[in-house]
Amino acid sequence: MINDTFAHGLEILLFGAFFIAGIALIQAYMIRMLKLYDKNLKNEIKKKNKKRR
């Protein structure tokens, strides 16, 4: 690893940066979808409670 060039190090650094950015985007998407699911679930529970009364 000591004999590798600066270009190889830069390639690895860029790959790591894009990989982490991709994981962050997927995580943000999943959190948004879970919040939407929770909101819809709460709305359905409210609708069912109103029908019971």
N, C-alpha and C. Protein backbone atom coordinates (compact mmCIF):
# COMPACT_ATOMS: atom_id res chain seq x y z
N MET A 1 0.82 -1.19 0.00
CA MET A 1 0.00 0.00 0.00
C MET A 1 0.86 1.26 0.00
N ILE A 2 2.05 1.14 0.47
CA ILE A 2 2.93 2.31 0.49
C ILE A 2 3.34 2.71 -0.92
N ASN A 3 3.45 1.75 -1.83
CA ASN A 3 3.91 2.03 -3.19
C ASN A 3 2.79 2.49 -4.11
N ASP A 4 1.54 2.51 -3.67
CA ASP A 4 0.44 2.96 -4.53
C ASP A 4 0.57 4.44 -4.83
N THR A 5 -0.02 4.82 -5.95
CA THR A 5 0.08 6.22 -6.37
C THR A 5 -1.02 7.05 -5.72
N PHE A 6 -0.85 8.33 -5.85
CA PHE A 6 -1.84 9.28 -5.32
C PHE A 6 -3.18 9.09 -6.01
N ALA A 7 -3.16 8.75 -7.29
CA ALA A 7 -4.40 8.56 -8.06
C ALA A 7 -5.22 7.40 -7.50
N HIS A 8 -4.56 6.31 -7.14
CA HIS A 8 -5.28 5.18 -6.57
C HIS A 8 -5.92 5.57 -5.23
N GLY A 9 -5.20 6.31 -4.44
CA GLY A 9 -5.74 6.78 -3.17
C GLY A 9 -6.94 7.69 -3.37
N LEU A 10 -6.86 8.54 -4.36
CA LEU A 10 -7.95 9.45 -4.68
C LEU A 10 -9.18 8.67 -5.17
N GLU A 11 -8.95 7.63 -5.98
CA GLU A 11 -10.06 6.79 -6.44
C GLU A 11 -10.78 6.13 -5.27
N ILE A 12 -10.01 5.60 -4.34
CA ILE A 12 -10.61 4.96 -3.17
C ILE A 12 -11.36 5.97 -2.32
N LEU A 13 -10.79 7.15 -2.16
CA LEU A 13 -11.44 8.21 -1.39
C LEU A 13 -12.76 8.63 -2.03
N LEU A 14 -12.77 8.79 -3.35
CA LEU A 14 -14.00 9.17 -4.05
C LEU A 14 -15.04 8.07 -3.98
N PHE A 15 -14.61 6.82 -4.14
CA PHE A 15 -15.54 5.71 -4.01
C PHE A 15 -16.18 5.70 -2.63
N GLY A 16 -15.38 5.87 -1.59
CA GLY A 16 -15.89 5.90 -0.22
C GLY A 16 -16.87 7.03 -0.01
N ALA A 17 -16.56 8.20 -0.56
CA ALA A 17 -17.44 9.35 -0.41
C ALA A 17 -18.78 9.11 -1.10
N PHE A 18 -18.75 8.57 -2.33
CA PHE A 18 -19.99 8.29 -3.04
C PHE A 18 -20.78 7.17 -2.36
N PHE A 19 -20.08 6.19 -1.84
CA PHE A 19 -20.75 5.09 -1.14
C PHE A 19 -21.47 5.60 0.10
N ILE A 20 -20.80 6.41 0.90
CA ILE A 20 -21.42 6.96 2.11
C ILE A 20 -22.58 7.89 1.74
N ALA A 21 -22.43 8.68 0.68
CA ALA A 21 -23.51 9.56 0.24
C ALA A 21 -24.71 8.73 -0.21
N GLY A 22 -24.46 7.64 -0.91
CA GLY A 22 -25.55 6.78 -1.35
C GLY A 22 -26.29 6.16 -0.18
N ILE A 23 -25.54 5.69 0.80
CA ILE A 23 -26.16 5.11 2.00
C ILE A 23 -26.98 6.17 2.73
N ALA A 24 -26.47 7.40 2.81
CA ALA A 24 -27.19 8.49 3.47
C ALA A 24 -28.49 8.81 2.74
N LEU A 25 -28.47 8.79 1.41
CA LEU A 25 -29.69 9.05 0.64
C LEU A 25 -30.72 7.94 0.87
N ILE A 26 -30.28 6.70 0.87
CA ILE A 26 -31.19 5.58 1.11
C ILE A 26 -31.78 5.69 2.51
N GLN A 27 -30.95 6.03 3.48
CA GLN A 27 -31.42 6.17 4.86
C GLN A 27 -32.45 7.30 4.97
N ALA A 28 -32.20 8.42 4.33
CA ALA A 28 -33.14 9.54 4.37
C ALA A 28 -34.47 9.15 3.72
N TYR A 29 -34.41 8.41 2.62
CA TYR A 29 -35.62 7.95 1.95
C TYR A 29 -36.41 7.00 2.84
N MET A 30 -35.72 6.08 3.49
CA MET A 30 -36.39 5.11 4.35
C MET A 30 -37.05 5.81 5.55
N ILE A 31 -36.37 6.78 6.13
CA ILE A 31 -36.95 7.52 7.26
C ILE A 31 -38.20 8.26 6.81
N ARG A 32 -38.15 8.87 5.63
CA ARG A 32 -39.32 9.58 5.10
C ARG A 32 -40.48 8.63 4.87
N MET A 33 -40.20 7.46 4.33
CA MET A 33 -41.26 6.48 4.08
C MET A 33 -41.85 5.95 5.39
N LEU A 34 -41.02 5.74 6.40
CA LEU A 34 -41.53 5.29 7.69
C LEU A 34 -42.41 6.34 8.35
N LYS A 35 -42.03 7.60 8.24
CA LYS A 35 -42.86 8.68 8.80
C LYS A 35 -44.20 8.75 8.08
N LEU A 36 -44.19 8.59 6.76
CA LEU A 36 -45.43 8.60 6.00
C LEU A 36 -46.30 7.41 6.38
N TYR A 37 -45.70 6.25 6.54
CA TYR A 37 -46.43 5.05 6.96
C TYR A 37 -47.07 5.27 8.33
N ASP A 38 -46.29 5.85 9.25
CA ASP A 38 -46.80 6.10 10.60
C ASP A 38 -47.96 7.09 10.57
N LYS A 39 -47.84 8.12 9.75
CA LYS A 39 -48.90 9.11 9.63
C LYS A 39 -50.18 8.47 9.10
N ASN A 40 -50.05 7.65 8.07
CA ASN A 40 -51.22 6.98 7.49
C ASN A 40 -51.84 6.00 8.48
N LEU A 41 -51.01 5.31 9.22
CA LEU A 41 -51.50 4.36 10.21
C LEU A 41 -52.29 5.08 11.30
N LYS A 42 -51.77 6.20 11.76
CA LYS A 42 -52.48 6.98 12.78
C LYS A 42 -53.81 7.51 12.25
N ASN A 43 -53.83 7.94 10.98
CA ASN A 43 -55.09 8.41 10.38
C ASN A 43 -56.12 7.30 10.31
N GLU A 44 -55.69 6.10 9.94
CA GLU A 44 -56.62 4.96 9.86
C GLU A 44 -57.16 4.59 11.24
N ILE A 45 -56.30 4.66 12.25
CA ILE A 45 -56.75 4.36 13.61
C ILE A 45 -57.80 5.38 14.05
N LYS A 46 -57.57 6.66 13.73
CA LYS A 46 -58.54 7.70 14.07
C LYS A 46 -59.87 7.46 13.36
N LYS A 47 -59.82 7.07 12.09
CA LYS A 47 -61.05 6.81 11.33
C LYS A 47 -61.82 5.64 11.94
N LYS A 48 -61.13 4.60 12.34
CA LYS A 48 -61.79 3.44 12.93
C LYS A 48 -62.41 3.78 14.28
N ASN A 49 -61.72 4.62 15.04
CA ASN A 49 -62.26 5.04 16.35
C ASN A 49 -63.51 5.90 16.18
N LYS A 50 -63.54 6.72 15.14
CA LYS A 50 -64.72 7.56 14.88
C LYS A 50 -65.90 6.72 14.45
N LYS A 51 -65.67 5.66 13.69
CA LYS A 51 -66.76 4.79 13.22
C LYS A 51 -67.37 4.00 14.38
N ARG A 52 -66.59 3.68 15.38
CA ARG A 52 -67.08 2.92 16.52
C ARG A 52 -68.08 3.72 17.35
N ARG A 53 -67.92 5.01 17.38
CA ARG A 53 -68.75 5.88 18.24
C ARG A 53 -70.09 6.07 17.68
